[in-house]
Protein backbone atom coordinates (compact mmCIF):
# COMPACT_ATOMS: atom_id res chain seq x y z
CA UNK A 1 52.34 -71.37 -152.39
CA UNK A 2 54.44 -67.91 -152.23
CA UNK A 3 51.50 -65.91 -152.47
CA UNK A 4 49.99 -67.55 -149.44
CA UNK A 5 52.58 -66.94 -147.39
CA UNK A 6 52.81 -63.10 -148.30
CA UNK A 7 49.10 -63.01 -147.29
CA UNK A 8 49.83 -64.84 -143.96
CA UNK A 9 52.84 -62.69 -143.06
CA UNK A 10 50.86 -59.62 -144.15
CA UNK A 11 47.78 -60.52 -141.71
CA UNK A 12 50.37 -61.11 -138.94
CA UNK A 13 51.72 -57.41 -139.26
CA UNK A 14 48.50 -55.84 -139.11
CA UNK A 15 47.67 -57.81 -136.28
CA UNK A 16 50.80 -56.70 -134.13
CA UNK A 17 50.08 -53.15 -135.29
CA UNK A 18 46.73 -53.24 -133.55
CA UNK A 19 47.82 -54.83 -130.23
CA UNK A 20 49.15 -52.58 -127.46
CA UNK A 21 52.78 -52.64 -126.86
CA UNK A 22 54.24 -55.38 -124.94
CA UNK A 23 51.54 -57.48 -125.89
CA UNK A 24 52.12 -60.96 -127.53
CA UNK A 25 51.78 -61.69 -131.00
CA UNK A 26 51.43 -65.43 -130.19
CA UNK A 27 47.71 -64.92 -130.92
CA UNK A 28 47.83 -67.12 -132.67
CA UNK A 29 46.84 -68.34 -135.87
CA UNK A 30 45.86 -71.88 -135.60
CA UNK A 31 44.49 -71.67 -139.03
CA UNK A 32 44.82 -69.21 -141.59
CA UNK A 33 41.88 -66.49 -141.22
CA UNK A 34 41.07 -67.78 -137.64
CA UNK A 35 42.28 -66.25 -134.10
CA UNK A 36 41.46 -66.97 -130.70
CA UNK A 37 42.98 -66.08 -127.46
CA UNK A 38 45.15 -68.99 -125.78
CA UNK A 39 43.51 -67.83 -122.16
CA UNK A 40 39.81 -67.08 -121.26
CA UNK A 41 38.80 -63.43 -121.08
CA UNK A 42 38.96 -62.20 -117.46
CA UNK A 43 35.56 -60.52 -118.25
CA UNK A 44 34.04 -63.86 -119.06
CA UNK A 45 35.10 -65.50 -116.01
CA UNK A 46 33.57 -62.51 -113.97
CA UNK A 47 30.63 -62.49 -115.92
CA UNK A 48 30.07 -66.28 -115.16
CA UNK A 49 30.95 -65.97 -111.40
CA UNK A 50 28.40 -62.92 -111.25
CA UNK A 51 25.64 -65.24 -112.75
CA UNK A 52 26.13 -67.83 -110.05
CA UNK A 53 23.85 -66.30 -107.61
CA UNK A 54 23.40 -67.78 -104.15
CA UNK A 55 19.85 -68.39 -102.77
CA UNK A 56 19.02 -65.47 -100.53
CA UNK A 57 18.19 -66.61 -96.85
CA UNK A 58 14.80 -65.89 -95.84
CA UNK A 59 13.92 -63.42 -93.27
CA UNK A 60 12.51 -65.27 -90.09
CA UNK A 61 10.20 -62.35 -89.71
CA UNK A 62 8.49 -62.93 -93.36
CA UNK A 63 7.90 -66.69 -92.22
CA UNK A 64 4.15 -67.55 -90.95
CA UNK A 65 4.27 -67.56 -86.98
CA UNK A 66 1.81 -68.38 -84.17
CA UNK A 67 -0.86 -65.93 -84.11
CA UNK A 68 -0.78 -64.69 -87.87
CA UNK A 69 -3.96 -64.53 -89.85
CA UNK A 70 -3.48 -66.51 -93.02
CA UNK A 71 -5.28 -66.46 -96.30
CA UNK A 72 -5.58 -69.37 -99.04
CA UNK A 73 -7.04 -68.49 -101.98
CA UNK A 74 -7.35 -71.00 -104.77
CA UNK A 75 -7.64 -68.89 -107.96
CA UNK A 76 -10.80 -69.60 -109.69
CA UNK A 77 -12.50 -70.77 -106.77
CA UNK A 78 -14.36 -69.93 -103.91
CA UNK A 79 -15.25 -73.20 -102.17
CA UNK A 80 -11.69 -74.06 -101.31
CA UNK A 81 -10.50 -70.73 -100.00
CA UNK A 82 -9.69 -70.57 -96.40
CA UNK A 83 -8.76 -67.89 -93.83
CA UNK A 84 -7.28 -68.68 -90.36
CA UNK A 85 -4.71 -69.04 -88.01
CA UNK A 86 -2.16 -71.79 -87.40
CA UNK A 87 -2.81 -74.15 -84.82
CA UNK A 88 -0.79 -75.03 -81.58
CA UNK A 89 0.70 -77.88 -83.38
CA UNK A 90 1.48 -75.83 -86.25
CA UNK A 91 -0.89 -76.86 -89.03
CA UNK A 92 -3.65 -74.99 -91.01
CA UNK A 93 -6.65 -76.29 -89.12
CA UNK A 94 -10.25 -76.57 -91.27
CA UNK A 95 -8.72 -76.31 -94.50
CA UNK A 96 -11.47 -77.82 -96.66
CA UNK A 97 -11.13 -81.06 -98.75
CA UNK A 98 -7.65 -81.77 -97.77
CA UNK A 99 -7.00 -85.01 -96.35
CA UNK A 100 -3.58 -84.13 -95.35
CA UNK A 101 -2.17 -81.91 -92.36
CA UNK A 102 -0.85 -78.57 -94.08
CA UNK A 103 2.31 -77.71 -91.78
CA UNK A 104 2.61 -73.50 -91.74
CA UNK A 105 4.60 -72.65 -88.80
CA UNK A 106 7.92 -71.19 -89.85
CA UNK A 107 7.25 -71.86 -93.55
CA UNK A 108 6.93 -69.00 -96.18
CA UNK A 109 3.88 -68.24 -97.87
CA UNK A 110 4.87 -69.81 -101.41
CA UNK A 111 6.37 -73.31 -99.75
CA UNK A 112 2.91 -73.61 -98.13
CA UNK A 113 1.05 -72.76 -101.52
CA UNK A 114 2.85 -75.48 -103.32
CA UNK A 115 2.18 -78.16 -100.46
CA UNK A 116 -1.48 -77.23 -100.60
CA UNK A 117 -1.58 -77.23 -104.25
CA UNK A 118 0.05 -80.95 -104.40
CA UNK A 119 -2.55 -81.94 -101.77
CA UNK A 120 -5.53 -80.34 -104.15
CA UNK A 121 -4.04 -81.66 -106.87
CA UNK A 122 -5.21 -84.99 -106.58
CA UNK A 123 -8.66 -83.93 -107.43
CA UNK A 124 -7.85 -80.69 -109.18
CA UNK A 125 -6.54 -80.16 -112.51
CA UNK A 126 -3.45 -78.04 -111.85
CA UNK A 127 -4.57 -76.04 -108.76
CA UNK A 128 -3.04 -72.53 -108.43
CA UNK A 129 -2.91 -71.35 -104.86
CA UNK A 130 -1.74 -68.01 -103.41
CA UNK A 131 -1.09 -68.01 -99.53
CA UNK A 132 -0.80 -64.52 -97.92
CA UNK A 133 -0.05 -63.46 -94.42
CA UNK A 134 -2.74 -60.91 -93.69
CA UNK A 135 -1.98 -59.97 -90.16
CA UNK A 136 1.12 -60.00 -88.21
CA UNK A 137 -0.05 -58.17 -85.14
CA UNK A 138 -0.99 -60.90 -82.62
CA UNK A 139 2.60 -62.54 -82.48
CA UNK A 140 4.08 -63.34 -79.06
CA UNK A 141 4.80 -60.27 -77.23
CA UNK A 142 8.11 -59.83 -74.98
CA UNK A 143 8.61 -58.69 -71.69
CA UNK A 144 11.38 -57.43 -69.47
CA UNK A 145 11.11 -56.93 -65.60
CA UNK A 146 13.35 -57.27 -62.78
CA UNK A 147 15.90 -54.50 -61.80
CA UNK A 148 14.45 -51.77 -64.23
CA UNK A 149 13.10 -48.90 -64.11
CA UNK A 150 9.54 -49.50 -65.81
CA UNK A 151 8.72 -53.02 -66.75
CA UNK A 152 7.01 -53.75 -69.79
CA UNK A 153 5.70 -55.81 -72.81
CA UNK A 154 6.81 -55.28 -76.12
CA UNK A 155 5.30 -55.79 -79.47
CA UNK A 156 8.11 -56.12 -82.13
CA UNK A 157 7.68 -55.40 -85.73
CA UNK A 158 11.28 -54.85 -86.64
CA UNK A 159 14.85 -56.03 -85.61
CA UNK A 160 15.53 -54.98 -82.18
CA UNK A 161 18.27 -55.79 -79.77
CA UNK A 162 18.48 -56.18 -75.89
CA UNK A 163 20.46 -52.86 -75.08
CA UNK A 164 17.23 -50.84 -77.03
CA UNK A 165 14.64 -52.67 -74.87
CA UNK A 166 16.60 -51.71 -71.55
CA UNK A 167 16.98 -48.21 -72.43
CA UNK A 168 13.19 -48.06 -73.28
CA UNK A 169 12.70 -49.65 -69.56
CA UNK A 170 14.34 -46.58 -68.25
CA UNK A 171 17.37 -48.39 -67.81
CA UNK A 172 18.93 -50.79 -64.96
CA UNK A 173 18.41 -49.88 -61.58
CA UNK A 174 20.79 -50.50 -58.16
CA UNK A 175 19.17 -53.56 -57.25
CA UNK A 176 20.74 -55.31 -60.34
CA UNK A 177 22.75 -58.65 -59.51
CA UNK A 178 24.96 -57.81 -62.73
CA UNK A 179 23.18 -60.62 -64.77
CA UNK A 180 20.62 -60.62 -67.43
CA UNK A 181 18.59 -63.93 -68.29
CA UNK A 182 16.58 -64.41 -71.60
CA UNK A 183 14.12 -67.44 -71.40
CA UNK A 184 13.31 -68.14 -75.11
CA UNK A 185 10.33 -70.59 -75.82
CA UNK A 186 10.77 -72.91 -78.89
CA UNK A 187 8.37 -72.27 -81.59
CA UNK A 188 7.40 -68.52 -80.58
CA UNK A 189 9.62 -67.18 -83.08
CA UNK A 190 11.22 -68.72 -86.21
CA UNK A 191 14.44 -66.79 -85.55
CA UNK A 192 15.42 -69.72 -83.35
CA UNK A 193 15.81 -71.70 -86.54
CA UNK A 194 18.85 -69.52 -87.34
CA UNK A 195 20.61 -69.80 -83.84
CA UNK A 196 21.88 -73.20 -83.99
CA UNK A 197 25.35 -71.93 -83.50
CA UNK A 198 24.29 -70.81 -80.14
CA UNK A 199 23.19 -74.11 -79.00
CA UNK A 200 24.65 -76.00 -76.27
CA UNK A 201 27.89 -74.05 -76.22
CA UNK A 202 29.45 -71.32 -74.15
CA UNK A 203 30.80 -68.28 -76.26
CA UNK A 204 34.17 -66.88 -74.59
CA UNK A 205 36.22 -63.34 -74.72
CA UNK A 206 39.60 -62.90 -73.90
CA UNK A 207 39.74 -60.50 -70.87
CA UNK A 208 42.76 -58.51 -69.53
CA UNK A 209 42.32 -59.32 -66.02
CA UNK A 210 41.64 -63.08 -67.13
CA UNK A 211 42.67 -65.53 -69.69
CA UNK A 212 39.08 -66.37 -70.68
CA UNK A 213 35.97 -64.50 -69.42
CA UNK A 214 32.40 -65.86 -70.34
CA UNK A 215 30.17 -63.20 -71.40
CA UNK A 216 27.39 -65.43 -73.01
CA UNK A 217 26.30 -68.62 -71.72
CA UNK A 218 23.46 -70.58 -73.68
CA UNK A 219 21.78 -73.77 -72.37
CA UNK A 220 18.59 -75.79 -73.83
CA UNK A 221 16.03 -77.93 -72.06
CA UNK A 222 12.82 -79.40 -73.40
CA UNK A 223 11.17 -76.71 -75.22
CA UNK A 224 13.36 -73.87 -74.48
CA UNK A 225 16.61 -72.09 -74.27
CA UNK A 226 18.26 -69.80 -71.43
CA UNK A 227 20.76 -67.14 -72.39
CA UNK A 228 22.46 -65.79 -69.53
CA UNK A 229 24.61 -62.29 -69.88
CA UNK A 230 26.96 -60.48 -67.84
CA UNK A 231 25.63 -56.82 -67.61
CA UNK A 232 29.20 -55.44 -67.58
CA UNK A 233 29.74 -57.07 -71.11
CA UNK A 234 26.79 -55.49 -72.38
CA UNK A 235 27.85 -52.02 -71.30
CA UNK A 236 31.23 -52.68 -72.75
CA UNK A 237 29.74 -52.94 -76.19
CA UNK A 238 30.49 -56.45 -76.92
CA UNK A 239 28.39 -57.53 -79.67
CA UNK A 240 27.73 -61.12 -78.72
CA UNK A 241 26.42 -59.83 -75.23
CA UNK A 242 23.49 -57.73 -76.84
CA UNK A 243 21.29 -60.40 -78.64
CA UNK A 244 18.65 -59.78 -81.02
CA UNK A 245 15.35 -60.12 -79.23
CA UNK A 246 12.68 -62.57 -80.54
CA UNK A 247 8.99 -62.73 -80.39
CA UNK A 248 7.95 -64.07 -76.87
CA UNK A 249 11.40 -63.69 -75.25
CA UNK A 250 11.11 -63.26 -71.38
CA UNK A 251 13.75 -60.86 -70.46
CA UNK A 252 14.57 -60.69 -66.55
CA UNK A 253 17.34 -58.29 -65.23
CA UNK A 254 18.15 -60.09 -62.07
CA UNK A 255 17.76 -58.40 -58.69
CA UNK A 256 20.44 -59.18 -56.12
CA UNK A 257 19.60 -60.99 -53.31
CA UNK A 258 19.01 -58.20 -50.16
CA UNK A 259 20.06 -57.55 -46.82
CA UNK A 260 17.98 -55.35 -44.63
CA UNK A 261 19.27 -52.60 -41.95
CA UNK A 262 16.49 -51.57 -39.58
CA UNK A 263 16.41 -49.93 -36.07
CA UNK A 264 18.24 -47.29 -34.58
CA UNK A 265 19.88 -45.88 -37.97
CA UNK A 266 19.40 -42.91 -39.89
CA UNK A 267 17.78 -44.36 -43.13
CA UNK A 268 16.75 -47.89 -42.71
CA UNK A 269 17.39 -49.71 -45.91
CA UNK A 270 16.98 -52.63 -48.30
CA UNK A 271 20.54 -53.20 -49.73
CA UNK A 272 21.12 -54.86 -52.77
CA UNK A 273 23.86 -57.34 -51.96
CA UNK A 274 25.92 -57.23 -55.23
CA UNK A 275 29.46 -58.07 -53.42
CA UNK A 276 30.53 -58.47 -50.10
CA UNK A 277 29.30 -56.59 -47.06
CA UNK A 278 30.06 -56.29 -43.55
CA UNK A 279 27.73 -55.48 -40.78
CA UNK A 280 29.38 -51.98 -40.01
CA UNK A 281 29.22 -51.17 -43.83
CA UNK A 282 25.79 -51.85 -44.02
CA UNK A 283 25.12 -49.55 -40.88
CA UNK A 284 26.92 -46.86 -42.76
CA UNK A 285 25.09 -47.44 -45.93
CA UNK A 286 22.13 -46.90 -43.76
CA UNK A 287 23.16 -43.28 -42.68
CA UNK A 288 25.17 -44.60 -39.75
CA UNK A 289 23.60 -44.78 -35.95
CA UNK A 290 21.25 -42.25 -34.68
CA UNK A 291 21.54 -40.40 -31.27
CA UNK A 292 20.04 -42.86 -29.67
CA UNK A 293 21.47 -45.80 -30.95
CA UNK A 294 22.95 -48.34 -28.69
CA UNK A 295 26.26 -49.36 -30.69
CA UNK A 296 27.07 -52.39 -28.36
CA UNK A 297 23.58 -54.07 -29.17
CA UNK A 298 23.54 -55.18 -32.88
CA UNK A 299 21.37 -58.38 -33.87
CA UNK A 300 21.60 -60.10 -37.26
CA UNK A 301 18.78 -62.70 -38.01
CA UNK A 302 19.77 -65.18 -40.50
CA UNK A 303 17.49 -67.56 -42.21
CA UNK A 304 18.72 -71.17 -42.25
CA UNK A 305 17.32 -74.42 -42.94
CA UNK A 306 16.43 -74.99 -39.28
CA UNK A 307 14.85 -71.86 -38.57
CA UNK A 308 16.24 -68.51 -37.64
CA UNK A 309 19.79 -67.78 -36.35
CA UNK A 310 20.41 -65.14 -33.92
CA UNK A 311 23.54 -63.34 -34.02
CA UNK A 312 24.84 -60.49 -31.90
CA UNK A 313 27.46 -58.18 -32.88
CA UNK A 314 29.17 -55.30 -30.94
CA UNK A 315 30.10 -52.07 -33.20
CA UNK A 316 32.23 -50.45 -30.82
CA UNK A 317 34.39 -53.52 -30.45
CA UNK A 318 34.45 -53.81 -34.29
CA UNK A 319 35.62 -50.49 -34.73
CA UNK A 320 38.35 -51.15 -32.25
CA UNK A 321 39.44 -54.28 -34.16
CA UNK A 322 38.68 -56.39 -31.11
CA UNK A 323 35.85 -58.44 -32.85
CA UNK A 324 35.20 -59.60 -36.50
CA UNK A 325 33.02 -57.47 -38.52
CA UNK A 326 30.80 -60.44 -39.75
CA UNK A 327 29.99 -60.79 -43.33
CA UNK A 328 26.36 -60.68 -44.09
CA UNK A 329 24.58 -63.33 -46.22
CA UNK A 330 21.25 -62.90 -48.29
CA UNK A 331 18.12 -61.91 -46.63
CA UNK A 332 19.86 -61.10 -43.22
CA UNK A 333 18.16 -58.90 -41.22
CA UNK A 334 20.36 -56.40 -39.04
CA UNK A 335 18.67 -54.63 -36.47
CA UNK A 336 20.37 -51.85 -34.23
CA UNK A 337 19.12 -51.36 -30.82
CA UNK A 338 18.24 -48.16 -29.32
CA UNK A 339 19.01 -47.60 -25.61
CA UNK A 340 15.62 -46.83 -24.57
CA UNK A 341 13.75 -49.75 -26.78
CA UNK A 342 12.90 -53.28 -25.60
CA UNK A 343 15.34 -55.59 -27.46
CA UNK A 344 13.87 -58.05 -30.15
CA UNK A 345 13.57 -61.76 -29.40
CA UNK A 346 12.02 -62.66 -32.57
CA UNK A 347 12.90 -61.96 -36.12
CA UNK A 348 10.89 -58.81 -37.62
CA UNK A 349 8.57 -59.00 -40.26
CA UNK A 350 10.12 -57.06 -43.21
CA UNK A 351 7.46 -55.61 -45.57
CA UNK A 352 8.92 -55.28 -49.34
CA UNK A 353 6.82 -52.83 -51.00
CA UNK A 354 8.44 -53.46 -54.32
CA UNK A 355 6.17 -54.55 -57.05
CA UNK A 356 8.52 -54.43 -59.62
CA UNK A 357 8.65 -58.36 -60.14
CA UNK A 358 6.84 -58.62 -63.69
CA UNK A 359 3.65 -59.82 -62.05
CA UNK A 360 0.28 -58.79 -63.60
CA UNK A 361 -0.34 -57.15 -67.16
CA UNK A 362 2.39 -55.03 -67.87
CA UNK A 363 2.11 -51.89 -70.09
CA UNK A 364 2.67 -52.44 -73.85
CA UNK A 365 4.88 -50.67 -76.13
CA UNK A 366 4.91 -51.18 -79.76
CA UNK A 367 8.58 -51.31 -81.42
CA UNK A 368 8.10 -50.60 -85.29
């Protein structure tokens, strides 16, 4: 008994010598000759946590889209192989010997291959199927038009955001109303699957001049999503006002409704009505009156539900503060009469030569 105690004491002394200063010698001997820590090793915990790998989120661009050329290869067979595109309903049309409709839209290649293998497994022994996207070049193009320098179609092959496409289109023009609208059709891009957080709500941001300013407005209707963005928020660098652009997005930089100033002014003009503008200011923006202008004979032609309203104005009395400087409305035509010209009684016909309206086939740019 005495010898055993001596051996045990000697072993504890050796352990205490090996331990670093301040470490506990409580280590622990549950039984003679066996030692274990009272706490699990931190390194073991870290190794355990690092082994818990979360599943990687699939990149929407790697999923099967409308327009993709898909190849189905049943290994060891030729008669079951298939190559084609997804139908408008999202299925692989004409896949041989399958009684089932094989859905492929916004699915990854492995999932579709497993579904085909399960269908063929009803009459083939453990079939091996490989599905490959051969060509992604026919995916829906995005378009940008409206109050920009150069409208374009874009074939997108990488991640791209709104501000980059605006720069490529030459920038926003002075005709802009201050808003951008993105129309996003459901199904053209699988990225919409990952945008549920934007559905049916408005995202707001605090502003120095207002308690809460809206900078991104998202609304949904059957088969589409509409995103409205304020240009000033985009230019301010607010991240949420600069969304990623998906395949098939229609981007409209909205134009302000114009007013027209014609007649005896230095530069007859179409003026974008982005803010309140009066008769005198509109005339001033058009270079002012010519030498032959009659400042007392200004006519405003205003379209209404019942026809065209004719309003007379006197620039001389406006300048003297005797009459009100009338606020103009969208599509008003301001005509300044000349002293030697006949007075107009009918609204003039305005020919708008601006063809930057997105009509027709736009030039194509590839983003890769």
